[in-house]
C-alpha atoms as a PDB file:
ATOM      1  CA  MET A   1      72.011-183.791 162.059  1.00  0.00           C
ATOM      2  CA  LEU A   2      68.469-183.013 163.191  1.00  0.00           C
ATOM      3  CA  LYS A   3      68.747-179.381 162.072  1.00  0.00           C
ATOM      4  CA  LYS A   4      69.966-180.475 158.648  1.00  0.00           C
ATOM      5  CA  GLY A   5      67.034-182.902 158.263  1.00  0.00           C
ATOM      6  CA  LEU A   6      64.527-180.236 159.329  1.00  0.00           C
ATOM      7  CA  ALA A   7      66.043-177.721 156.947  1.00  0.00           C
ATOM      8  CA  GLY A   8      65.765-180.168 154.066  1.00  0.00           C
ATOM      9  CA  LEU A   9      62.195-181.018 154.976  1.00  0.00           C
ATOM     10  CA  LEU A  10      61.290-177.316 155.098  1.00  0.00           C
ATOM     11  CA  LEU A  11      62.754-176.854 151.628  1.00  0.00           C
ATOM     12  CA  VAL A  12      60.630-179.722 150.320  1.00  0.00           C
ATOM     13  CA  CYS A  13      57.507-178.353 152.019  1.00  0.00           C
ATOM     14  CA  LEU A  14      58.205-174.895 150.638  1.00  0.00           C
ATOM     15  CA  ALA A  15      58.611-176.276 147.126  1.00  0.00           C
ATOM     16  CA  THR A  16      55.372-178.223 147.591  1.00  0.00           C
ATOM     17  CA  VAL A  17      53.407-175.143 148.657  1.00  0.00           C
ATOM     18  CA  VAL A  18      54.808-173.023 145.837  1.00  0.00           C
ATOM     19  CA  ASN A  19      54.001-175.650 143.214  1.00  0.00           C
ATOM     20  CA  ALA A  20      50.534-176.327 144.597  1.00  0.00           C
ATOM     21  CA  GLN A  21      49.638-172.649 144.769  1.00  0.00           C
ATOM     22  CA  GLY A  22      51.241-171.718 141.443  1.00  0.00           C
ATOM     23  CA  PHE A  23      49.029-170.335 138.726  1.00  0.00           C
ATOM     24  CA  GLY A  24      48.082-172.204 135.591  1.00  0.00           C
ATOM     25  CA  PRO A  25      48.284-175.890 134.715  1.00  0.00           C
ATOM     26  CA  ALA A  26      51.221-178.185 135.441  1.00  0.00           C
ATOM     27  CA  VAL A  27      51.324-179.433 131.863  1.00  0.00           C
ATOM     28  CA  THR A  28      49.321-178.887 128.678  1.00  0.00           C
ATOM     29  CA  ILE A  29      48.955-181.836 126.291  1.00  0.00           C
ATOM     30  CA  ASN A  30      47.470-180.963 122.915  1.00  0.00           C
ATOM     31  CA  GLY A  31      45.445-178.236 124.580  1.00  0.00           C
ATOM     32  CA  VAL A  32      44.320-180.373 127.543  1.00  0.00           C
ATOM     33  CA  GLU A  33      45.418-178.744 130.787  1.00  0.00           C
ATOM     34  CA  ILE A  34      46.505-180.950 133.685  1.00  0.00           C
ATOM     35  CA  PRO A  35      46.183-179.124 137.043  1.00  0.00           C
ATOM     36  CA  ARG A  36      49.116-178.789 139.397  1.00  0.00           C
ATOM     37  CA  SER A  37      47.057-180.351 142.166  1.00  0.00           C
ATOM     38  CA  LYS A  38      46.917-183.635 140.205  1.00  0.00           C
ATOM     39  CA  VAL A  39      50.680-183.766 139.806  1.00  0.00           C
ATOM     40  CA  GLN A  40      51.114-182.857 143.481  1.00  0.00           C
ATOM     41  CA  ALA A  41      48.747-185.568 144.700  1.00  0.00           C
ATOM     42  CA  GLN A  42      50.243-188.267 142.478  1.00  0.00           C
ATOM     43  CA  ALA A  43      53.793-187.289 143.440  1.00  0.00           C
ATOM     44  CA  ASP A  44      52.928-187.572 147.140  1.00  0.00           C
ATOM     45  CA  HIS A  45      51.229-190.913 146.483  1.00  0.00           C
ATOM     46  CA  LEU A  46      54.290-192.212 144.628  1.00  0.00           C
ATOM     47  CA  ILE A  47      56.527-191.175 147.516  1.00  0.00           C
ATOM     48  CA  ASN A  48      54.300-193.049 149.975  1.00  0.00           C
ATOM     49  CA  GLN A  49      54.158-196.114 147.723  1.00  0.00           C
ATOM     50  CA  ARG A  50      57.927-196.331 147.695  1.00  0.00           C
ATOM     51  CA  GLY A  51      58.072-195.979 151.454  1.00  0.00           C
ATOM     52  CA  ILE A  52      60.176-192.854 151.244  1.00  0.00           C
ATOM     53  CA  GLY A  53      57.976-190.532 153.290  1.00  0.00           C
ATOM     54  CA  SER A  54      58.356-186.763 153.278  1.00  0.00           C
ATOM     55  CA  GLY A  55      61.284-186.975 155.697  1.00  0.00           C
ATOM     56  CA  GLY A  56      63.184-189.162 153.238  1.00  0.00           C
ATOM     57  CA  ILE A  57      63.479-186.383 150.644  1.00  0.00           C
ATOM     58  CA  THR A  58      65.724-183.601 151.904  1.00  0.00           C
ATOM     59  CA  GLN A  59      66.594-181.902 148.616  1.00  0.00           C
ATOM     60  CA  PRO A  60      64.243-179.992 146.276  1.00  0.00           C
ATOM     61  CA  SER A  61      66.033-181.606 143.304  1.00  0.00           C
ATOM     62  CA  ALA A  62      65.030-185.061 144.514  1.00  0.00           C
ATOM     63  CA  TYR A  63      61.402-183.982 144.837  1.00  0.00           C
ATOM     64  CA  ARG A  64      61.544-182.478 141.361  1.00  0.00           C
ATOM     65  CA  LYS A  65      62.656-185.838 139.937  1.00  0.00           C
ATOM     66  CA  ILE A  66      59.557-187.424 141.435  1.00  0.00           C
ATOM     67  CA  GLN A  67      57.403-184.690 139.895  1.00  0.00           C
ATOM     68  CA  GLU A  68      59.077-185.173 136.505  1.00  0.00           C
ATOM     69  CA  GLU A  69      58.390-188.917 136.707  1.00  0.00           C
ATOM     70  CA  VAL A  70      54.722-188.286 137.493  1.00  0.00           C
ATOM     71  CA  ILE A  71      54.395-185.761 134.664  1.00  0.00           C
ATOM     72  CA  GLU A  72      55.877-188.276 132.224  1.00  0.00           C
ATOM     73  CA  GLN A  73      53.320-190.886 133.320  1.00  0.00           C
ATOM     74  CA  ILE A  74      50.499-188.366 132.929  1.00  0.00           C
ATOM     75  CA  VAL A  75      51.723-187.278 129.487  1.00  0.00           C
ATOM     76  CA  VAL A  76      51.925-190.858 128.212  1.00  0.00           C
ATOM     77  CA  GLN A  77      48.474-191.747 129.543  1.00  0.00           C
ATOM     78  CA  GLU A  78      46.910-188.575 128.126  1.00  0.00           C
ATOM     79  CA  LEU A  79      48.497-189.035 124.689  1.00  0.00           C
ATOM     80  CA  LEU A  80      47.286-192.640 124.501  1.00  0.00           C
ATOM     81  CA  TRP A  81      43.841-191.644 125.836  1.00  0.00           C
ATOM     82  CA  GLN A  82      43.514-188.991 123.152  1.00  0.00           C
ATOM     83  CA  GLU A  83      44.537-191.541 120.533  1.00  0.00           C
ATOM     84  CA  ALA A  84      41.970-194.016 121.872  1.00  0.00           C
ATOM     85  CA  GLN A  85      39.314-191.335 121.505  1.00  0.00           C
ATOM     86  CA  ARG A  86      40.452-190.619 117.959  1.00  0.00           C
ATOM     87  CA  ARG A  87      40.215-194.314 117.079  1.00  0.00           C
ATOM     88  CA  GLY A  88      36.847-194.722 118.772  1.00  0.00           C
ATOM     89  CA  THR A  89      37.903-197.341 121.342  1.00  0.00           C
ATOM     90  CA  VAL A  90      36.406-195.549 124.367  1.00  0.00           C
ATOM     91  CA  VAL A  91      34.689-197.990 126.767  1.00  0.00           C
ATOM     92  CA  GLY A  92      31.158-197.284 127.986  1.00  0.00           C
ATOM     93  CA  ASP A  93      29.817-196.554 131.466  1.00  0.00           C
ATOM     94  CA  GLU A  94      28.712-200.138 132.079  1.00  0.00           C
ATOM     95  CA  LYS A  95      32.214-201.578 131.708  1.00  0.00           C
ATOM     96  CA  VAL A  96      33.663-198.794 133.845  1.00  0.00           C
ATOM     97  CA  GLU A  97      31.151-199.490 136.613  1.00  0.00           C
ATOM     98  CA  GLN A  98      31.903-203.214 136.436  1.00  0.00           C
ATOM     99  CA  GLU A  99      35.613-202.537 136.850  1.00  0.00           C
ATOM    100  CA  VAL A 100      35.050-200.109 139.731  1.00  0.00           C
ATOM    101  CA  ALA A 101      32.785-202.656 141.459  1.00  0.00           C
ATOM    102  CA  LYS A 102      35.483-205.318 141.060  1.00  0.00           C
ATOM    103  CA  LEU A 103      38.077-203.006 142.591  1.00  0.00           C
ATOM    104  CA  LYS A 104      35.748-202.087 145.448  1.00  0.00           C
ATOM    105  CA  SER A 105      35.261-205.775 146.255  1.00  0.00           C
ATOM    106  CA  ASN A 106      38.906-205.906 147.380  1.00  0.00           C
ATOM    107  CA  PHE A 107      38.152-203.539 150.270  1.00  0.00           C
ATOM    108  CA  ASP A 108      36.357-204.195 153.539  1.00  0.00           C
ATOM    109  CA  SER A 109      34.138-201.141 153.224  1.00  0.00           C
ATOM    110  CA  GLU A 110      33.136-198.247 150.988  1.00  0.00           C
ATOM    111  CA  LEU A 111      35.024-195.935 153.331  1.00  0.00           C
ATOM    112  CA  ALA A 112      38.244-197.913 152.943  1.00  0.00           C
ATOM    113  CA  PHE A 113      37.901-197.752 149.160  1.00  0.00           C
ATOM    114  CA  THR A 114      37.240-194.006 149.239  1.00  0.00           C
ATOM    115  CA  PHE A 115      40.237-193.448 151.505  1.00  0.00           C
ATOM    116  CA  LYS A 116      42.490-195.396 149.139  1.00  0.00           C
ATOM    117  CA  ILE A 117      41.515-193.486 145.999  1.00  0.00           C
ATOM    118  CA  GLU A 118      41.743-190.155 147.814  1.00  0.00           C
ATOM    119  CA  GLU A 119      45.217-191.173 148.933  1.00  0.00           C
ATOM    120  CA  GLY A 120      46.070-191.426 145.241  1.00  0.00           C
ATOM    121  CA  GLY A 121      44.714-187.935 144.589  1.00  0.00           C
ATOM    122  CA  PHE A 122      41.354-188.971 143.116  1.00  0.00           C
ATOM    123  CA  THR A 123      37.714-188.263 143.851  1.00  0.00           C
ATOM    124  CA  GLU A 124      35.185-190.960 142.922  1.00  0.00           C
ATOM    125  CA  LYS A 125      34.412-189.028 139.726  1.00  0.00           C
ATOM    126  CA  THR A 126      38.022-188.544 138.641  1.00  0.00           C
ATOM    127  CA  PHE A 127      38.837-192.123 139.615  1.00  0.00           C
ATOM    128  CA  ARG A 128      36.108-193.415 137.303  1.00  0.00           C
ATOM    129  CA  GLU A 129      37.416-191.201 134.540  1.00  0.00           C
ATOM    130  CA  ASN A 130      40.924-192.553 135.109  1.00  0.00           C
ATOM    131  CA  ILE A 131      39.578-196.112 134.915  1.00  0.00           C
ATOM    132  CA  ARG A 132      37.783-195.248 131.657  1.00  0.00           C
ATOM    133  CA  GLN A 133      40.988-193.883 130.184  1.00  0.00           C
ATOM    134  CA  GLN A 134      43.060-196.907 131.200  1.00  0.00           C
ATOM    135  CA  MET A 135      40.488-199.407 129.934  1.00  0.00           C
ATOM    136  CA  SER A 136      40.084-197.525 126.667  1.00  0.00           C
ATOM    137  CA  VAL A 137      43.837-197.509 126.083  1.00  0.00           C
ATOM    138  CA  GLN A 138      44.021-201.229 126.901  1.00  0.00           C
ATOM    139  CA  HIS A 139      41.150-201.874 124.493  1.00  0.00           C
ATOM    140  CA  MET A 140      42.943-199.909 121.768  1.00  0.00           C
ATOM    141  CA  ILE A 141      46.183-201.805 122.299  1.00  0.00           C
ATOM    142  CA  ALA A 142      44.442-205.181 122.394  1.00  0.00           C
ATOM    143  CA  ASN A 143      42.302-204.622 119.306  1.00  0.00           C
ATOM    144  CA  ASP A 144      44.163-202.155 117.108  1.00  0.00           C
ATOM    145  CA  ILE A 145      47.784-202.991 117.864  1.00  0.00           C
ATOM    146  CA  THR A 146      48.144-206.519 119.281  1.00  0.00           C
ATOM    147  CA  GLU A 147      46.184-208.105 116.438  1.00  0.00           C
ATOM    148  CA  GLY A 148      48.690-206.686 113.985  1.00  0.00           C
ATOM    149  CA  ILE A 149      51.682-208.223 115.785  1.00  0.00           C
ATOM    150  CA  THR A 150      53.092-211.319 114.069  1.00  0.00           C
ATOM    151  CA  VAL A 151      56.210-213.386 114.697  1.00  0.00           C
ATOM    152  CA  ASP A 152      57.439-215.599 111.863  1.00  0.00           C
ATOM    153  CA  ASP A 153      59.099-218.991 112.243  1.00  0.00           C
ATOM    154  CA  ALA A 154      62.497-217.646 111.235  1.00  0.00           C
ATOM    155  CA  ALA A 155      62.496-215.184 114.152  1.00  0.00           C
ATOM    156  CA  VAL A 156      61.563-217.940 116.590  1.00  0.00           C
ATOM    157  CA  GLU A 157      64.323-220.228 115.302  1.00  0.00           C
ATOM    158  CA  ALA A 158      66.879-217.426 115.369  1.00  0.00           C
ATOM    159  CA  PHE A 159      66.034-216.586 118.993  1.00  0.00           C
ATOM    160  CA  TYR A 160      66.299-220.281 119.927  1.00  0.00           C
ATOM    161  CA  ASN A 161      69.741-220.643 118.306  1.00  0.00           C
ATOM    162  CA  GLU A 162      71.002-217.417 119.887  1.00  0.00           C
ATOM    163  CA  ASN A 163      69.949-218.581 123.351  1.00  0.00           C
ATOM    164  CA  LEU A 164      70.902-222.257 123.326  1.00  0.00           C
ATOM    165  CA  GLU A 165      72.620-221.934 126.704  1.00  0.00           C
ATOM    166  CA  GLN A 166      69.233-221.104 128.228  1.00  0.00           C
ATOM    167  CA  MET A 167      67.745-224.236 126.643  1.00  0.00           C
ATOM    168  CA  ALA A 168      70.281-226.541 128.309  1.00  0.00           C
ATOM    169  CA  VAL A 169      68.962-229.094 130.808  1.00  0.00           C
ATOM    170  CA  PRO A 170      71.741-230.250 133.179  1.00  0.00           C
ATOM    171  CA  GLU A 171      72.336-233.818 134.338  1.00  0.00           C
ATOM    172  CA  ARG A 172      69.810-234.618 137.077  1.00  0.00           C
ATOM    173  CA  VAL A 173      68.885-237.369 139.475  1.00  0.00           C
ATOM    174  CA  HIS A 174      65.517-238.141 141.015  1.00  0.00           C
ATOM    175  CA  ALA A 175      66.022-239.952 144.321  1.00  0.00           C
ATOM    176  CA  ARG A 176      64.426-240.980 147.583  1.00  0.00           C
ATOM    177  CA  HIS A 177      66.218-241.597 150.836  1.00  0.00           C
ATOM    178  CA  ILE A 178      65.768-242.873 154.352  1.00  0.00           C
ATOM    179  CA  LEU A 179      67.759-241.006 156.987  1.00  0.00           C
ATOM    180  CA  VAL A 180      68.730-242.525 160.308  1.00  0.00           C
ATOM    181  CA  LYS A 181      70.605-240.285 162.707  1.00  0.00           C
ATOM    182  CA  PHE A 182      73.257-241.378 165.210  1.00  0.00           C
ATOM    183  CA  GLU A 183      75.263-239.763 167.971  1.00  0.00           C
ATOM    184  CA  ALA A 184      78.646-238.579 166.702  1.00  0.00           C
ATOM    185  CA  GLY A 185      81.552-240.371 168.381  1.00  0.00           C
ATOM    186  CA  ASN A 186      79.256-243.051 169.782  1.00  0.00           C
ATOM    187  CA  ASP A 187      80.140-246.396 168.178  1.00  0.00           C
ATOM    188  CA  ALA A 188      77.094-248.128 169.608  1.00  0.00           C
ATOM    189  CA  SER A 189      74.755-245.461 168.244  1.00  0.00           C
ATOM    190  CA  ARG A 190      76.359-245.694 164.813  1.00  0.00           C
ATOM    191  CA  ALA A 191      76.186-249.497 164.804  1.00  0.00           C
ATOM    192  CA  ALA A 192      72.478-249.346 165.679  1.00  0.00           C
ATOM    193  CA  ALA A 193      71.854-246.935 162.816  1.00  0.00           C
ATOM    194  CA  GLU A 194      73.748-249.179 160.381  1.00  0.00           C
ATOM    195  CA  LYS A 195      71.746-252.230 161.518  1.00  0.00           C
ATOM    196  CA  LYS A 196      68.469-250.374 161.130  1.00  0.00           C
ATOM    197  CA  LEU A 197      69.339-249.343 157.583  1.00  0.00           C
ATOM    198  CA  ALA A 198      70.490-252.884 156.736  1.00  0.00           C
ATOM    199  CA  ASP A 199      67.160-254.261 157.982  1.00  0.00           C
ATOM    200  CA  LEU A 200      65.239-251.669 155.954  1.00  0.00           C
ATOM    201  CA  GLU A 201      67.252-252.465 152.817  1.00  0.00           C
ATOM    202  CA  ALA A 202      66.484-256.163 153.303  1.00  0.00           C
ATOM    203  CA  GLN A 203      62.772-255.335 153.547  1.00  0.00           C
ATOM    204  CA  VAL A 204      62.941-253.350 150.293  1.00  0.00           C
ATOM    205  CA  GLU A 205      64.713-256.253 148.558  1.00  0.00           C
ATOM    206  CA  ALA A 206      61.974-258.532 149.849  1.00  0.00           C
ATOM    207  CA  GLY A 207      59.387-256.377 148.083  1.00  0.00           C
ATOM    208  CA  GLU A 208      58.430-253.750 150.664  1.00  0.00           C
ATOM    209  CA  SER A 209      57.749-250.209 149.411  1.00  0.00           C
ATOM    210  CA  PHE A 210      60.733-247.895 149.865  1.00  0.00           C
ATOM    211  CA  ALA A 211      58.376-244.904 150.095  1.00  0.00           C
ATOM    212  CA  LEU A 212      56.238-246.469 152.831  1.00  0.00           C
ATOM    213  CA  LEU A 213      59.313-247.471 154.819  1.00  0.00           C
ATOM    214  CA  ALA A 214      60.617-243.898 154.495  1.00  0.00           C
ATOM    215  CA  ILE A 215      57.352-242.510 155.836  1.00  0.00           C
ATOM    216  CA  GLU A 216      57.565-244.844 158.821  1.00  0.00           C
ATOM    217  CA  HIS A 217      61.291-244.765 159.601  1.00  0.00           C
ATOM    218  CA  SER A 218      63.095-241.814 158.001  1.00  0.00           C
ATOM    219  CA  GLU A 219      64.209-239.104 160.434  1.00  0.00           C
ATOM    220  CA  GLY A 220      64.591-236.445 157.740  1.00  0.00           C
ATOM    221  CA  PRO A 221      62.035-233.791 156.699  1.00  0.00           C
ATOM    222  CA  SER A 222      61.336-235.612 153.422  1.00  0.00           C
ATOM    223  CA  GLY A 223      60.158-238.684 155.305  1.00  0.00           C
ATOM    224  CA  GLN A 224      56.494-237.683 155.162  1.00  0.00           C
ATOM    225  CA  LYS A 225      56.818-237.503 151.376  1.00  0.00           C
ATOM    226  CA  GLY A 226      58.111-241.038 151.157  1.00  0.00           C
ATOM    227  CA  GLY A 227      61.693-239.781 151.251  1.00  0.00           C
ATOM    228  CA  ASP A 228      61.175-238.129 147.873  1.00  0.00           C
ATOM    229  CA  LEU A 229      63.815-235.462 147.149  1.00  0.00           C
ATOM    230  CA  GLY A 230      62.559-234.754 143.627  1.00  0.00           C
ATOM    231  CA  TYR A 231      65.044-233.945 140.885  1.00  0.00           C
ATOM    232  CA  PHE A 232      68.338-232.300 141.771  1.00  0.00           C
ATOM    233  CA  GLU A 233      71.481-231.307 139.923  1.00  0.00           C
ATOM    234  CA  ARG A 234      75.098-231.953 140.831  1.00  0.00           C
ATOM    235  CA  GLY A 235      76.186-229.772 143.716  1.00  0.00           C
ATOM    236  CA  GLN A 236      72.739-229.282 145.205  1.00  0.00           C
ATOM    237  CA  MET A 237      73.266-231.964 147.838  1.00  0.00           C
ATOM    238  CA  VAL A 238      76.193-232.460 150.202  1.00  0.00           C
ATOM    239  CA  LYS A 239      79.146-234.076 148.406  1.00  0.00           C
ATOM    240  CA  GLU A 240      78.872-237.562 149.930  1.00  0.00           C
ATOM    241  CA  PHE A 241      75.173-237.807 149.047  1.00  0.00           C
ATOM    242  CA  ASP A 242      75.773-236.257 145.618  1.00  0.00           C
ATOM    243  CA  ASP A 243      78.552-238.711 144.700  1.00  0.00           C
ATOM    244  CA  ALA A 244      76.508-241.725 145.767  1.00  0.00           C
ATOM    245  CA  ALA A 245      73.311-240.671 143.991  1.00  0.00           C
ATOM    246  CA  PHE A 246      74.951-239.683 140.704  1.00  0.00           C
ATOM    247  CA  GLY A 247      77.143-242.780 140.762  1.00  0.00           C
ATOM    248  CA  ALA A 248      74.221-245.203 141.054  1.00  0.00           C
ATOM    249  CA  GLU A 249      72.070-246.786 138.354  1.00  0.00           C
ATOM    250  CA  PRO A 250      68.338-245.993 138.194  1.00  0.00           C
ATOM    251  CA  GLY A 251      66.365-248.420 140.353  1.00  0.00           C
ATOM    252  CA  SER A 252      69.354-249.293 142.531  1.00  0.00           C
ATOM    253  CA  ILE A 253      69.683-248.758 146.270  1.00  0.00           C
ATOM    254  CA  VAL A 254      72.943-247.550 147.807  1.00  0.00           C
ATOM    255  CA  GLY A 255      73.984-247.096 151.390  1.00  0.00           C
ATOM    256  CA  PRO A 256      74.662-246.554 154.077  1.00  0.00           C
ATOM    257  CA  VAL A 257      75.998-243.167 152.952  1.00  0.00           C
ATOM    258  CA  GLU A 258      77.313-241.021 155.777  1.00  0.00           C
ATOM    259  CA  THR A 259      76.834-237.251 155.725  1.00  0.00           C
ATOM    260  CA  GLN A 260      76.752-234.556 158.369  1.00  0.00           C
ATOM    261  CA  PHE A 261      73.066-235.389 158.871  1.00  0.00           C
ATOM    262  CA  GLY A 262      73.465-239.088 159.586  1.00  0.00           C
ATOM    263  CA  LEU A 263      73.301-242.320 157.573  1.00  0.00           C
ATOM    264  CA  HIS A 264      71.264-242.519 154.374  1.00  0.00           C
ATOM    265  CA  LEU A 265      69.780-245.337 152.355  1.00  0.00           C
ATOM    266  CA  ILE A 266      69.315-243.945 148.848  1.00  0.00           C
ATOM    267  CA  LYS A 267      67.082-245.188 146.067  1.00  0.00           C
ATOM    268  CA  VAL A 268      67.744-243.661 142.640  1.00  0.00           C
ATOM    269  CA  GLU A 269      64.479-243.402 140.726  1.00  0.00           C
ATOM    270  CA  GLU A 270      65.804-241.769 137.563  1.00  0.00           C
ATOM    271  CA  HIS A 271      69.073-240.415 136.187  1.00  0.00           C
ATOM    272  CA  THR A 272      68.874-238.076 133.186  1.00  0.00           C
ATOM    273  CA  ALA A 273      71.854-237.040 131.068  1.00  0.00           C
ATOM    274  CA  PRO A 274      72.474-233.416 130.057  1.00  0.00           C
ATOM    275  CA  SER A 275      70.274-232.359 127.144  1.00  0.00           C
ATOM    276  CA  THR A 276      68.852-229.428 125.256  1.00  0.00           C
ATOM    277  CA  VAL A 277      65.154-228.595 125.250  1.00  0.00           C
ATOM    278  CA  PRO A 278      63.939-229.105 121.647  1.00  0.00           C
ATOM    279  CA  LEU A 279      62.638-226.125 119.715  1.00  0.00           C
ATOM    280  CA  THR A 280      59.204-227.710 119.351  1.00  0.00           C
ATOM    281  CA  GLU A 281      58.800-227.721 123.133  1.00  0.00           C
ATOM    282  CA  VAL A 282      59.694-224.073 123.740  1.00  0.00           C
ATOM    283  CA  GLU A 283      58.391-222.612 120.474  1.00  0.00           C
ATOM    284  CA  PRO A 284      55.073-221.337 121.932  1.00  0.00           C
ATOM    285  CA  LYS A 285      56.830-219.519 124.796  1.00  0.00           C
ATOM    286  CA  ILE A 286      59.453-218.015 122.488  1.00  0.00           C
ATOM    287  CA  ARG A 287      56.764-216.837 120.073  1.00  0.00           C
ATOM    288  CA  GLU A 288      54.786-215.298 122.944  1.00  0.00           C
ATOM    289  CA  TYR A 289      57.898-213.552 124.305  1.00  0.00           C
ATOM    290  CA  LEU A 290      58.878-212.137 120.911  1.00  0.00           C
ATOM    291  CA  ALA A 291      55.321-210.964 120.277  1.00  0.00           C
ATOM    292  CA  GLN A 292      55.306-209.212 123.659  1.00  0.00           C
ATOM    293  CA  GLN A 293      58.615-207.497 122.914  1.00  0.00           C
ATOM    294  CA  LYS A 294      57.334-206.440 119.512  1.00  0.00           C
ATOM    295  CA  LEU A 295      54.177-205.060 121.133  1.00  0.00           C
ATOM    296  CA  TYR A 296      56.215-203.023 123.630  1.00  0.00           C
ATOM    297  CA  SER A 297      58.319-201.579 120.801  1.00  0.00           C
ATOM    298  CA  THR A 298      55.231-200.768 118.744  1.00  0.00           C
ATOM    299  CA  VAL A 299      53.534-198.972 121.632  1.00  0.00           C
ATOM    300  CA  GLU A 300      56.746-197.079 122.461  1.00  0.00           C
ATOM    301  CA  GLN A 301      56.984-195.981 118.823  1.00  0.00           C
ATOM    302  CA  LEU A 302      53.337-194.897 118.889  1.00  0.00           C
ATOM    303  CA  ILE A 303      53.994-192.765 121.972  1.00  0.00           C
ATOM    304  CA  GLU A 304      57.045-191.192 120.332  1.00  0.00           C
ATOM    305  CA  ASP A 305      55.011-190.406 117.204  1.00  0.00           C
ATOM    306  CA  LEU A 306      52.138-188.924 119.218  1.00  0.00           C
ATOM    307  CA  ARG A 307      54.570-186.762 121.158  1.00  0.00           C
ATOM    308  CA  ALA A 308      56.416-185.650 118.001  1.00  0.00           C
ATOM    309  CA  ASN A 309      53.209-184.805 116.148  1.00  0.00           C
ATOM    310  CA  GLY A 310      51.517-183.197 119.147  1.00  0.00           C
ATOM    311  CA  SER A 311      52.190-180.453 121.642  1.00  0.00           C
ATOM    312  CA  VAL A 312      53.399-181.140 125.184  1.00  0.00           C
ATOM    313  CA  GLN A 313      54.181-178.106 127.307  1.00  0.00           C
ATOM    314  CA  VAL A 314      55.388-178.470 130.904  1.00  0.00           C
ATOM    315  CA  HIS A 315      54.663-175.382 133.014  1.00  0.00           C
ATOM    316  CA  LEU A 316      55.222-176.750 136.518  1.00  0.00           C
ATOM    317  CA  PHE A 317      58.837-175.668 136.718  1.00  0.00           C
ATOM    318  CA  ASP A 318      58.464-172.306 134.991  1.00  0.00           C
END
């Protein structure tokens, strides 16, 4: 097993050395040559990011897939960067320096920052250039493409009607409870718990705050929150508790209800019937989602057009 792993690792290392020392660029994009060293460094960085490690890739074909993925990322970024230059949306030095300073602020020291970018295959100079390219592309998308994206009311309504099941709000109950535990099989312990809950219920009926009594007496984790369990749907609580809560009217107190946890005194705050979220309530989110999907499609089409009308030549595997 060890020999097989070492053999695979040697194959990967051999492929790495050959690719790194090969002549010529890894890929040429509309005349712009991307060095093999850049692909190599970014492939190694991607492997580390995914926690694979060099020992996790034992076949040259697997390493090639990583290289192909990196090349695709580089091609897309370069095509969009060239388009940003053509459209004149290149950001200036000041904005680049501001972004680099913001990124540096996330590190404890200049050395830590330098180590991180070198790990990704960058020098400070090439890292700044990469930041410029990314910001310029983002600027192009935000100003030249996003502003042209529109979603009409008919599309929003159609999406809503096609996804009504996602707009459904199930029956829910909002309840509080006071839990008193007792020793299983001990009649005296159970009787004491029942008496305590009866006394607490009498205090609530006399005008005492259920929430304050829960804070003082409940033995469950929700006690410190006044016994508040929030809203829950059918089936989220144990059956005995569920049946009691959903069978009670809002404002009523039921109990004692026995569950595996002990005895409960339950106050139902609110009981809502099943419903459907109205279109007016979700319209902004639907419109935003559809606009985002339309933007993705538009950018994907732009990339396809740039690739079709340009020249992308991969040399790494020649």
